[in-house]
């Protein structure tokens, strides 16, 4: 009977500990998966927006060049001027690997570099023909050029003052050589095992960290199918290499491309495995203590032990601390066992609560993280609670890191978080959006009230010396629900546009959505 009681009690303790560890592992694992999906989606959105902006600017540059080329194409003996304009375009932005100026008859009038040897030839490539026929701003799908390279062709039409079509000016991006996509996308590469790739509307890879995969067609991937249908989002997916990935994806409307930011699931949940191993190591000493106590008192604790075992087993579903304390332990050994069980259960409950807290807050600044921010926005939107969003970004924060080091940069981030809390109400939510970007959510507040709060914070920052020894200013964008948008994603995008306008118009200012031109 002694060994039976000992076995039952020990099994109860082990089951409780295993259940607690497994519950903690599952909570941590799911939290890491959700956090990685949210992070990758936000990252893909940001890269898509950056690339969209860059392509729009490139088309505007070509449009300006097309206006200046209109009189030159019609003049005799303007070969040198055309060549000079082609060279200027190529050197101005480093966007293009080569530049072409073509007349309406598809004759190539000038190139840069001139070593291409295409001057005087006909533009008969797939992208070139399509651009000539389209007679509008154009971004081609990947194709093989006259020089045998895999390229993308971006062009603008040239018209005279009467609107007659004269030709086009365009630039090429060599996909399998050093190009602007590597600069725009590669500089944002995460150092945690994540990577980014870009596909066109047919599922063909046009950018990938591994150049060998450029031009590969992926047509059986759920993420690619979502992008081809024009959707943004995040999901768990098995890629073409049979690896389970956590992917966020976003579309680039102008080019009809899609950006995918993904990380292998095994890598993403590795911290959860480490946490579980650590919990197991810390559990073993407690388990040994319980085993010794049970062995010493097993002859006399049959009835109390049965109750303790029962309550311990059911404690994984409901808190049984009160009932365990009510068990009559009229002898010392049973009392110690009860204390040990309570200690173990409380310890693991505290660990689970700790990891839940870690999953909802930013570890550096101690404000809410992006996942919690999304939950508040979703809840308030579904409840119809009016709220305002302030998205803010430190001005020239990279210079702080470069000048004073990342440790000081972290102190500046914590300083900004402290100042945010100082100007916030109890019901407001301070969140870290990512990097040096933060978000302040203000329930029951309209755009005007949010503007006043943003200005209070901005003035505090511009009048207070930061931990780096100098004043660091901020720029802010403001949008409100339902005043400006009815969906959290749209509200975030509008606030981000306002932030971009604040940055563009001089920094250290607050811009409210709907008043971008003021």
Protein backbone atom coordinates (compact mmCIF):
# COMPACT_ATOMS: atom_id res chain seq x y z
CA UNK A 1 0.00 0.00 0.00
CA UNK A 2 2.89 2.31 0.83
CA UNK A 3 4.32 1.97 -2.68
CA UNK A 4 0.88 2.23 -4.28
CA UNK A 5 0.18 5.48 -2.45
CA UNK A 6 3.67 6.72 -3.28
CA UNK A 7 3.18 5.85 -6.95
CA UNK A 8 -0.23 7.52 -7.17
CA UNK A 9 0.94 10.69 -5.42
CA UNK A 10 4.11 10.89 -7.46
CA UNK A 11 2.17 10.37 -10.68
CA UNK A 12 -0.20 13.16 -9.69
CA UNK A 13 2.66 15.56 -9.11
CA UNK A 14 4.37 14.61 -12.34
CA UNK A 15 1.15 14.97 -14.33
CA UNK A 16 0.57 18.39 -12.84
CA UNK A 17 4.07 19.53 -13.64
CA UNK A 18 3.98 18.07 -17.14
CA UNK A 19 0.59 19.64 -17.81
CA UNK A 20 1.84 23.01 -16.59
CA UNK A 21 5.02 22.75 -18.66
CA UNK A 22 3.09 21.62 -21.73
CA UNK A 23 0.52 24.39 -21.29
CA UNK A 24 3.31 26.92 -20.97
CA UNK A 25 5.00 25.49 -24.05
CA UNK A 26 1.81 25.64 -26.10
CA UNK A 27 1.02 29.20 -25.00
CA UNK A 28 4.57 30.33 -25.72
CA UNK A 29 4.70 28.49 -29.05
CA UNK A 30 1.40 29.94 -30.28
CA UNK A 31 2.40 33.39 -29.09
CA UNK A 32 5.67 33.19 -31.00
CA UNK A 33 3.87 31.96 -34.13
CA UNK A 34 1.30 34.77 -33.94
CA UNK A 35 3.97 37.35 -33.21
CA UNK A 36 6.13 36.17 -36.12
CA UNK A 37 3.16 36.21 -38.51
CA UNK A 38 2.20 39.72 -37.39
CA UNK A 39 5.80 40.93 -37.64
CA UNK A 40 6.30 39.45 -41.11
CA UNK A 41 3.01 40.92 -42.33
CA UNK A 42 3.94 44.36 -41.00
CA UNK A 43 7.39 44.03 -42.54
CA UNK A 44 5.98 42.94 -45.93
CA UNK A 45 3.52 45.86 -45.81
CA UNK A 46 6.33 48.29 -45.10
CA UNK A 47 8.55 46.96 -47.90
CA UNK A 48 5.62 46.95 -50.33
CA UNK A 49 4.87 50.57 -49.47
CA UNK A 50 8.53 51.53 -49.84
CA UNK A 51 8.81 49.78 -53.22
CA UNK A 52 5.51 51.29 -54.39
CA UNK A 53 6.78 54.76 -53.47
CA UNK A 54 10.09 54.12 -55.23
CA UNK A 55 8.42 52.91 -58.44
CA UNK A 56 6.05 55.90 -58.41
CA UNK A 57 9.00 58.28 -58.06
CA UNK A 58 10.84 56.47 -60.86
CA UNK A 59 7.86 56.88 -63.22
CA UNK A 60 7.69 60.57 -62.29
CA UNK A 61 11.40 61.01 -63.13
CA UNK A 62 10.85 59.34 -66.50
CA UNK A 63 7.79 61.53 -67.11
CA UNK A 64 9.86 64.67 -66.52
CA UNK A 65 12.55 63.37 -68.87
CA UNK A 66 9.91 62.58 -71.51
CA UNK A 67 8.76 66.21 -71.46
CA UNK A 68 12.31 67.44 -72.08
CA UNK A 69 12.88 64.86 -74.86
CA UNK A 70 9.84 65.90 -76.89
CA UNK A 71 11.57 68.73 -78.84
CA UNK A 72 14.86 66.80 -79.15
CA UNK A 73 13.28 63.80 -80.93
CA UNK A 74 11.80 66.12 -83.53
CA UNK A 75 15.09 67.98 -84.17
CA UNK A 76 17.68 66.90 -86.73
CA UNK A 77 21.17 66.39 -85.39
CA UNK A 78 20.15 65.99 -81.77
CA UNK A 79 21.93 62.64 -81.33
CA UNK A 80 24.41 64.04 -78.81
CA UNK A 81 21.67 65.71 -76.75
CA UNK A 82 19.65 62.48 -76.70
CA UNK A 83 22.72 60.50 -75.59
CA UNK A 84 23.42 63.08 -72.88
CA UNK A 85 19.86 62.81 -71.56
CA UNK A 86 20.13 59.01 -71.50
CA UNK A 87 23.40 59.24 -69.54
CA UNK A 88 21.86 61.77 -67.15
CA UNK A 89 18.89 59.53 -66.44
CA UNK A 90 21.06 56.51 -65.72
CA UNK A 91 23.38 58.42 -63.39
CA UNK A 92 20.69 60.48 -61.64
CA UNK A 93 19.08 57.77 -59.53
CA UNK A 94 21.05 54.54 -60.05
CA UNK A 95 17.63 52.97 -60.57
CA UNK A 96 18.36 51.54 -64.01
CA UNK A 97 21.04 49.23 -65.30
CA UNK A 98 20.49 50.77 -68.73
CA UNK A 99 18.38 53.51 -70.38
CA UNK A 100 16.80 53.61 -73.86
CA UNK A 101 15.26 56.41 -75.92
CA UNK A 102 13.10 55.03 -78.75
CA UNK A 103 11.01 56.76 -81.44
CA UNK A 104 7.50 55.75 -82.42
CA UNK A 105 8.87 53.51 -85.22
CA UNK A 106 10.68 51.40 -82.58
CA UNK A 107 14.11 52.73 -83.64
CA UNK A 108 16.53 53.04 -80.72
CA UNK A 109 17.84 56.64 -80.82
CA UNK A 110 20.14 56.60 -77.77
CA UNK A 111 21.25 54.28 -74.96
CA UNK A 112 23.18 54.46 -71.74
CA UNK A 113 25.63 52.86 -71.49
CA UNK A 114 26.44 53.35 -75.15
CA UNK A 115 28.51 50.15 -75.10
CA UNK A 116 25.25 48.19 -75.47
CA UNK A 117 25.59 48.74 -79.23
CA UNK A 118 21.83 49.00 -79.75
CA UNK A 119 21.65 52.49 -81.29
CA UNK A 120 19.91 52.39 -84.68
CA UNK A 121 18.42 48.94 -84.08
CA UNK A 122 14.73 48.15 -83.76
CA UNK A 123 13.26 47.57 -80.32
CA UNK A 124 11.73 44.13 -80.88
CA UNK A 125 11.82 42.71 -77.33
CA UNK A 126 8.56 41.62 -75.71
CA UNK A 127 8.58 44.40 -73.11
CA UNK A 128 9.65 47.03 -75.62
CA UNK A 129 6.88 46.19 -78.08
CA UNK A 130 4.30 46.19 -75.31
CA UNK A 131 5.50 49.59 -74.03
CA UNK A 132 5.34 51.10 -77.55
CA UNK A 133 1.83 49.77 -78.09
CA UNK A 134 0.58 50.80 -74.66
CA UNK A 135 1.62 54.49 -75.03
CA UNK A 136 1.30 55.00 -71.30
CA UNK A 137 3.35 54.64 -68.12
CA UNK A 138 4.46 51.01 -68.14
CA UNK A 139 6.21 48.43 -65.95
CA UNK A 140 6.78 45.15 -67.79
CA UNK A 141 6.80 41.61 -66.54
CA UNK A 142 10.23 39.87 -66.66
CA UNK A 143 11.46 38.96 -70.17
CA UNK A 144 14.70 38.31 -72.07
CA UNK A 145 16.09 41.46 -73.69
CA UNK A 146 17.96 42.05 -76.97
CA UNK A 147 21.22 41.57 -75.04
CA UNK A 148 20.09 38.20 -73.66
CA UNK A 149 19.52 39.42 -70.10
CA UNK A 150 16.49 38.76 -67.91
CA UNK A 151 15.09 42.26 -67.33
CA UNK A 152 12.15 44.44 -66.31
CA UNK A 153 11.42 47.47 -68.49
CA UNK A 154 9.98 50.71 -66.99
CA UNK A 155 8.96 53.45 -69.43
CA UNK A 156 7.04 56.66 -70.07
CA UNK A 157 5.62 57.77 -73.47
CA UNK A 158 6.84 60.93 -75.24
CA UNK A 159 4.25 63.24 -76.80
CA UNK A 160 4.62 66.57 -78.57
CA UNK A 161 2.70 69.73 -77.63
CA UNK A 162 -0.26 68.60 -79.74
CA UNK A 163 -0.45 65.22 -78.08
CA UNK A 164 1.06 63.26 -80.98
CA UNK A 165 2.96 60.14 -79.95
CA UNK A 166 6.72 60.42 -80.61
CA UNK A 167 8.16 57.39 -78.81
CA UNK A 168 9.25 56.50 -75.31
CA UNK A 169 12.01 56.77 -72.74
CA UNK A 170 12.61 53.86 -70.45
CA UNK A 171 15.05 52.05 -68.20
CA UNK A 172 15.83 48.40 -67.56
CA UNK A 173 16.53 46.51 -64.35
CA UNK A 174 18.76 43.45 -64.82
CA UNK A 175 17.23 40.86 -62.51
CA UNK A 176 20.22 38.49 -62.37
CA UNK A 177 22.79 41.23 -61.86
CA UNK A 178 23.26 43.92 -59.21
CA UNK A 179 20.11 46.05 -59.34
CA UNK A 180 17.98 48.55 -57.46
CA UNK A 181 15.65 45.86 -56.01
CA UNK A 182 18.61 44.46 -54.08
CA UNK A 183 19.22 47.93 -52.63
CA UNK A 184 15.58 48.68 -51.76
CA UNK A 185 14.77 45.21 -50.37
CA UNK A 186 18.14 43.89 -49.28
CA UNK A 187 18.98 46.74 -46.89
CA UNK A 188 15.93 45.86 -44.75
CA UNK A 189 16.93 42.21 -44.34
CA UNK A 190 16.19 40.87 -40.87
CA UNK A 191 19.02 39.19 -38.94
CA UNK A 192 16.83 36.55 -37.30
CA UNK A 193 16.52 34.04 -40.13
CA UNK A 194 13.77 35.87 -41.98
CA UNK A 195 14.15 36.74 -45.63
CA UNK A 196 12.23 38.56 -48.34
CA UNK A 197 11.43 37.73 -51.94
CA UNK A 198 9.30 39.37 -54.64
CA UNK A 199 7.13 37.74 -57.33
CA UNK A 200 5.28 39.14 -60.32
CA UNK A 201 1.60 38.54 -61.05
CA UNK A 202 2.34 35.16 -62.67
CA UNK A 203 4.23 33.84 -59.63
CA UNK A 204 7.69 34.34 -61.17
CA UNK A 205 10.42 35.31 -58.69
CA UNK A 206 11.96 38.68 -59.63
CA UNK A 207 13.97 39.17 -56.43
CA UNK A 208 15.37 36.62 -54.00
CA UNK A 209 18.38 36.63 -51.62
CA UNK A 210 19.54 33.57 -53.58
CA UNK A 211 20.12 34.87 -57.17
CA UNK A 212 19.81 31.32 -58.53
CA UNK A 213 16.10 31.34 -57.74
CA UNK A 214 15.37 34.50 -59.76
CA UNK A 215 13.04 33.66 -62.72
CA UNK A 216 11.75 30.53 -60.96
CA UNK A 217 7.97 30.17 -61.22
CA UNK A 218 6.08 29.23 -58.03
CA UNK A 219 2.47 28.35 -58.78
CA UNK A 220 1.55 25.85 -56.04
CA UNK A 221 2.18 28.08 -53.00
CA UNK A 222 -0.87 29.35 -51.08
CA UNK A 223 0.83 32.68 -50.35
CA UNK A 224 1.61 33.26 -54.03
CA UNK A 225 -1.98 32.41 -54.95
CA UNK A 226 -3.21 34.99 -52.43
CA UNK A 227 -0.87 37.61 -53.90
CA UNK A 228 -1.96 36.79 -57.46
CA UNK A 229 -5.54 37.39 -56.30
CA UNK A 230 -4.49 40.81 -54.92
CA UNK A 231 -4.71 40.04 -51.18
CA UNK A 232 -2.44 41.02 -48.27
CA UNK A 233 -2.10 38.95 -45.10
CA UNK A 234 -0.13 36.31 -43.21
CA UNK A 235 -0.28 32.52 -42.98
CA UNK A 236 1.59 29.33 -42.18
CA UNK A 237 2.58 27.63 -45.42
CA UNK A 238 4.81 24.83 -46.72
CA UNK A 239 7.11 26.33 -49.34
CA UNK A 240 8.57 24.82 -52.51
CA UNK A 241 11.50 23.48 -50.45
CA UNK A 242 9.05 21.51 -48.22
CA UNK A 243 9.79 23.73 -45.22
CA UNK A 244 7.00 25.06 -42.99
CA UNK A 245 7.24 28.85 -43.10
CA UNK A 246 5.50 31.71 -41.28
CA UNK A 247 4.89 34.21 -44.07
CA UNK A 248 3.55 37.75 -44.28
CA UNK A 249 2.72 39.10 -47.72
CA UNK A 250 1.64 42.36 -49.36
CA UNK A 251 0.96 43.59 -52.91
CA UNK A 252 2.68 46.39 -54.85
CA UNK A 253 -0.25 47.83 -56.87
CA UNK A 254 1.67 49.87 -59.45
CA UNK A 255 3.73 46.91 -60.70
CA UNK A 256 1.25 44.17 -59.70
CA UNK A 257 4.04 42.46 -57.76
CA UNK A 258 3.92 40.80 -54.37
CA UNK A 259 6.36 40.97 -51.44
CA UNK A 260 6.75 37.97 -49.11
CA UNK A 261 8.58 38.15 -45.78
CA UNK A 262 8.93 34.76 -44.15
CA UNK A 263 10.74 32.78 -41.48
CA UNK A 264 10.99 29.04 -40.93
CA UNK A 265 8.56 27.94 -38.21
CA UNK A 266 11.14 25.73 -36.54
CA UNK A 267 13.40 28.73 -36.09
CA UNK A 268 10.55 30.97 -34.91
CA UNK A 269 9.46 28.63 -32.09
CA UNK A 270 13.00 27.73 -30.98
CA UNK A 271 12.79 30.09 -27.94
CA UNK A 272 9.70 28.19 -26.77
CA UNK A 273 11.63 24.90 -26.83
CA UNK A 274 14.47 26.51 -24.87
CA UNK A 275 11.96 27.86 -22.34
CA UNK A 276 10.44 24.39 -21.87
CA UNK A 277 13.86 22.80 -21.34
CA UNK A 278 14.68 25.46 -18.75
CA UNK A 279 11.39 24.83 -16.95
CA UNK A 280 12.10 21.09 -16.89
CA UNK A 281 15.55 21.68 -15.40
CA UNK A 282 14.07 23.89 -12.69
CA UNK A 283 11.33 21.33 -12.01
CA UNK A 284 13.63 18.41 -11.21
CA UNK A 285 14.78 19.68 -7.76
CA UNK A 286 11.18 20.27 -6.69
CA UNK A 287 10.19 16.84 -7.93
CA UNK A 288 13.00 15.24 -5.94
CA UNK A 289 11.89 17.01 -2.75
CA UNK A 290 8.32 15.84 -3.23
CA UNK A 291 9.47 12.26 -3.83
CA UNK A 292 11.46 12.17 -0.57
CA UNK A 293 8.56 13.59 1.43
CA UNK A 294 6.09 11.12 -0.06
CA UNK A 295 8.39 8.18 0.66
CA UNK A 296 8.68 9.18 4.34
CA UNK A 297 4.96 9.64 5.05
CA UNK A 298 3.24 7.28 2.58
CA UNK A 299 2.13 4.80 5.30
CA UNK A 300 0.00 7.35 7.13
CA UNK A 301 -1.40 9.61 4.40
CA UNK A 302 -3.73 7.40 2.36
CA UNK A 303 -6.83 9.54 2.64
CA UNK A 304 -5.19 13.01 2.54
CA UNK A 305 -3.00 11.83 -0.31
CA UNK A 306 -5.99 10.73 -2.36
CA UNK A 307 -7.53 14.18 -2.00
CA UNK A 308 -4.28 15.97 -2.76
CA UNK A 309 -3.70 13.81 -5.82
CA UNK A 310 -7.20 14.46 -7.10
CA UNK A 311 -6.98 18.22 -6.63
CA UNK A 312 -3.53 18.28 -8.15
CA UNK A 313 -4.67 16.44 -11.28
CA UNK A 314 -7.64 18.76 -11.79
CA UNK A 315 -5.63 21.91 -11.14
CA UNK A 316 -4.64 22.04 -14.81
CA UNK A 317 -8.25 22.86 -15.65
CA UNK A 318 -9.37 24.94 -12.64
CA UNK A 319 -7.56 26.60 -9.79
CA UNK A 320 -7.74 24.20 -6.84
CA UNK A 321 -5.51 26.10 -4.45
CA UNK A 322 -8.36 26.81 -2.04
CA UNK A 323 -9.51 23.17 -1.94
CA UNK A 324 -5.94 21.90 -1.46
CA UNK A 325 -5.59 24.24 1.53
CA UNK A 326 -8.81 22.81 2.99
CA UNK A 327 -7.44 19.24 3.08
CA UNK A 328 -7.01 18.18 6.74
CA UNK A 329 -3.35 17.33 7.15
CA UNK A 330 -3.12 16.45 10.84
CA UNK A 331 0.47 15.25 10.52
CA UNK A 332 3.63 17.08 9.61
CA UNK A 333 4.51 15.10 6.46
CA UNK A 334 1.13 15.66 4.79
CA UNK A 335 1.30 19.35 5.60
CA UNK A 336 4.70 19.64 3.92
CA UNK A 337 3.44 17.81 0.82
CA UNK A 338 0.52 20.21 0.56
CA UNK A 339 2.89 23.17 0.77
CA UNK A 340 5.17 21.66 -1.85
CA UNK A 341 2.25 21.11 -4.24
CA UNK A 342 0.98 24.64 -3.76
CA UNK A 343 4.46 26.03 -4.29
CA UNK A 344 4.94 24.01 -7.49
CA UNK A 345 1.55 24.98 -8.92
CA UNK A 346 2.05 28.66 -8.06
CA UNK A 347 5.55 28.59 -9.52
CA UNK A 348 4.42 27.25 -12.86
CA UNK A 349 1.36 29.49 -12.93
CA UNK A 350 3.67 32.44 -12.35
CA UNK A 351 5.91 31.25 -15.20
CA UNK A 352 2.93 30.94 -17.57
CA UNK A 353 1.74 34.42 -16.54
CA UNK A 354 5.25 35.75 -17.06
CA UNK A 355 5.49 34.43 -20.61
CA UNK A 356 2.00 35.69 -21.42
CA UNK A 357 3.13 39.12 -20.18
CA UNK A 358 6.30 38.85 -22.28
CA UNK A 359 4.23 38.07 -25.37
CA UNK A 360 2.14 41.24 -25.03
CA UNK A 361 4.80 43.82 -24.15
CA UNK A 362 7.93 45.14 -25.79
CA UNK A 363 10.90 43.80 -23.78
CA UNK A 364 13.02 46.95 -24.21
CA UNK A 365 10.60 49.82 -23.58
CA UNK A 366 7.98 47.93 -21.50
CA UNK A 367 5.13 49.40 -23.52
CA UNK A 368 2.58 47.25 -25.39
CA UNK A 369 3.80 45.45 -28.53
CA UNK A 370 2.32 45.36 -32.05
CA UNK A 371 0.22 42.26 -31.35
CA UNK A 372 -1.48 43.90 -28.34
CA UNK A 373 -1.98 47.10 -30.31
CA UNK A 374 -3.78 45.16 -33.05
CA UNK A 375 -6.01 43.47 -30.45
CA UNK A 376 -7.07 46.80 -28.90
CA UNK A 377 -7.79 48.33 -32.32
CA UNK A 378 -9.82 45.28 -33.34
CA UNK A 379 -11.80 45.26 -30.08
CA UNK A 380 -12.57 48.98 -30.13
CA UNK A 381 -13.52 48.83 -33.81
CA UNK A 382 -15.88 45.88 -33.28
CA UNK A 383 -17.44 47.62 -30.25
CA UNK A 384 -17.82 50.87 -32.18
CA UNK A 385 -15.70 52.76 -29.63
CA UNK A 386 -14.31 55.98 -31.15
CA UNK A 387 -10.55 56.20 -30.85
CA UNK A 388 -7.61 58.04 -32.34
CA UNK A 389 -4.18 56.79 -33.38
CA UNK A 390 -0.92 58.70 -33.20
CA UNK A 391 1.95 57.00 -35.04
CA UNK A 392 5.25 58.68 -34.28
CA UNK A 393 8.82 58.23 -35.39
CA UNK A 394 12.06 59.66 -34.01
CA UNK A 395 13.71 62.07 -36.43
CA UNK A 396 17.15 60.98 -37.66
CA UNK A 397 17.34 58.16 -35.12
CA UNK A 398 19.89 56.31 -37.25
CA UNK A 399 22.33 59.14 -36.57
CA UNK A 400 21.91 58.59 -32.81
CA UNK A 401 22.81 54.91 -33.20
CA UNK A 402 25.71 55.66 -35.53
CA UNK A 403 27.08 58.45 -33.28
CA UNK A 404 26.48 57.13 -29.78
CA UNK A 405 26.03 53.39 -30.29
CA UNK A 406 23.04 51.08 -30.09
CA UNK A 407 23.15 50.89 -26.28
CA UNK A 408 22.57 54.64 -26.06
CA UNK A 409 20.01 54.33 -28.86
CA UNK A 410 18.09 51.84 -26.70
CA UNK A 411 18.15 54.32 -23.82
CA UNK A 412 16.72 56.99 -26.13
CA UNK A 413 13.92 54.58 -27.13
CA UNK A 414 13.13 53.95 -23.47
CA UNK A 415 13.22 57.70 -22.87
CA UNK A 416 10.62 58.25 -25.62
CA UNK A 417 8.42 55.49 -24.13
CA UNK A 418 8.66 57.20 -20.71
CA UNK A 419 7.67 60.56 -22.20
CA UNK A 420 4.73 58.91 -24.02
CA UNK A 421 3.43 57.54 -20.72
CA UNK A 422 3.90 60.94 -19.10
CA UNK A 423 1.48 62.63 -21.52
CA UNK A 424 -0.99 59.71 -21.62
CA UNK A 425 -4.17 59.10 -19.69
CA UNK A 426 -4.76 55.93 -17.73
CA UNK A 427 -7.00 54.52 -20.48
CA UNK A 428 -4.55 55.34 -23.31
CA UNK A 429 -2.34 52.61 -24.74
CA UNK A 430 1.34 53.23 -25.53
CA UNK A 431 2.70 50.72 -28.06
CA UNK A 432 5.95 50.06 -29.88
CA UNK A 433 5.21 49.57 -33.57
CA UNK A 434 8.74 48.54 -34.54
CA UNK A 435 12.23 50.06 -34.61
CA UNK A 436 11.96 53.72 -33.64
CA UNK A 437 8.25 53.87 -34.50
CA UNK A 438 5.67 54.02 -31.69
CA UNK A 439 1.89 54.24 -31.58
CA UNK A 440 -0.35 55.97 -29.04
CA UNK A 441 -3.98 54.77 -28.99
CA UNK A 442 -6.49 57.14 -27.39
CA UNK A 443 -10.00 55.74 -26.78
CA UNK A 444 -12.98 58.12 -26.78
CA UNK A 445 -10.82 60.73 -28.52
CA UNK A 446 -11.24 62.49 -31.86
CA UNK A 447 -8.53 63.74 -34.23
CA UNK A 448 -8.42 67.19 -32.60
CA UNK A 449 -7.82 65.73 -29.16
CA UNK A 450 -5.18 63.37 -30.53
CA UNK A 451 -3.45 66.28 -32.22
CA UNK A 452 -3.23 68.12 -28.89
CA UNK A 453 -1.78 65.02 -27.20
CA UNK A 454 0.76 64.56 -30.00
CA UNK A 455 1.79 68.20 -29.75
CA UNK A 456 2.26 67.92 -25.98
CA UNK A 457 4.58 64.98 -26.50
CA UNK A 458 6.41 66.66 -29.38
CA UNK A 459 7.03 69.83 -27.35
CA UNK A 460 8.27 67.79 -24.38
CA UNK A 461 10.74 66.01 -26.63
CA UNK A 462 12.02 69.17 -28.32
CA UNK A 463 12.59 70.84 -24.96
CA UNK A 464 14.16 67.92 -23.08
CA UNK A 465 17.68 66.56 -23.41
CA UNK A 466 17.59 62.84 -24.20
CA UNK A 467 19.97 60.18 -22.79
CA UNK A 468 22.34 60.71 -25.73
CA UNK A 469 23.06 64.22 -24.46
CA UNK A 470 21.14 66.11 -27.10
CA UNK A 471 17.54 66.84 -28.02
CA UNK A 472 15.86 64.24 -30.20
CA UNK A 473 12.68 65.37 -31.96
CA UNK A 474 9.75 63.34 -33.25
CA UNK A 475 7.34 63.48 -36.17
CA UNK A 476 3.74 62.28 -35.77
CA UNK A 477 0.80 61.31 -37.93
CA UNK A 478 -2.78 61.31 -36.61
CA UNK A 479 -5.89 59.47 -37.80
CA UNK A 480 -9.15 58.67 -36.00
CA UNK A 481 -11.89 56.01 -36.06
CA UNK A 482 -14.54 56.41 -37.39
CA UNK A 483 -13.67 59.97 -38.43
CA UNK A 484 -11.14 58.93 -41.10
CA UNK A 485 -11.46 55.15 -41.53
CA UNK A 486 -13.67 52.23 -40.51
CA UNK A 487 -11.03 49.47 -40.57
CA UNK A 488 -7.87 49.21 -38.40
CA UNK A 489 -5.59 48.48 -41.37
CA UNK A 490 -6.92 51.49 -43.29
CA UNK A 491 -6.62 53.69 -40.19
CA UNK A 492 -3.00 52.57 -39.73
CA UNK A 493 -2.23 53.30 -43.37
CA UNK A 494 -3.74 56.82 -43.14
CA UNK A 495 -1.83 57.60 -39.95
CA UNK A 496 1.35 56.34 -41.63
CA UNK A 497 0.68 58.61 -44.62
CA UNK A 498 0.35 61.55 -42.23
CA UNK A 499 3.63 60.57 -40.57
CA UNK A 500 5.29 60.39 -43.98
CA UNK A 501 3.97 63.88 -44.77
CA UNK A 502 5.35 65.18 -41.46
CA UNK A 503 8.73 63.70 -42.33
CA UNK A 504 8.61 65.03 -45.87
CA UNK A 505 7.69 68.57 -44.87
CA UNK A 506 10.52 69.09 -42.40
CA UNK A 507 10.17 66.73 -39.40
CA UNK A 508 9.45 67.73 -35.77
CA UNK A 509 5.78 68.26 -36.52
CA UNK A 510 2.35 66.65 -36.26
CA UNK A 511 0.14 66.07 -39.29
CA UNK A 512 -3.55 65.09 -39.00
CA UNK A 513 -5.07 62.93 -41.74
CA UNK A 514 -7.20 65.01 -44.09
CA UNK A 515 -4.99 68.09 -43.56
CA UNK A 516 -1.87 66.85 -45.31
CA UNK A 517 -1.47 69.95 -47.44
CA UNK A 518 -1.71 72.41 -44.57
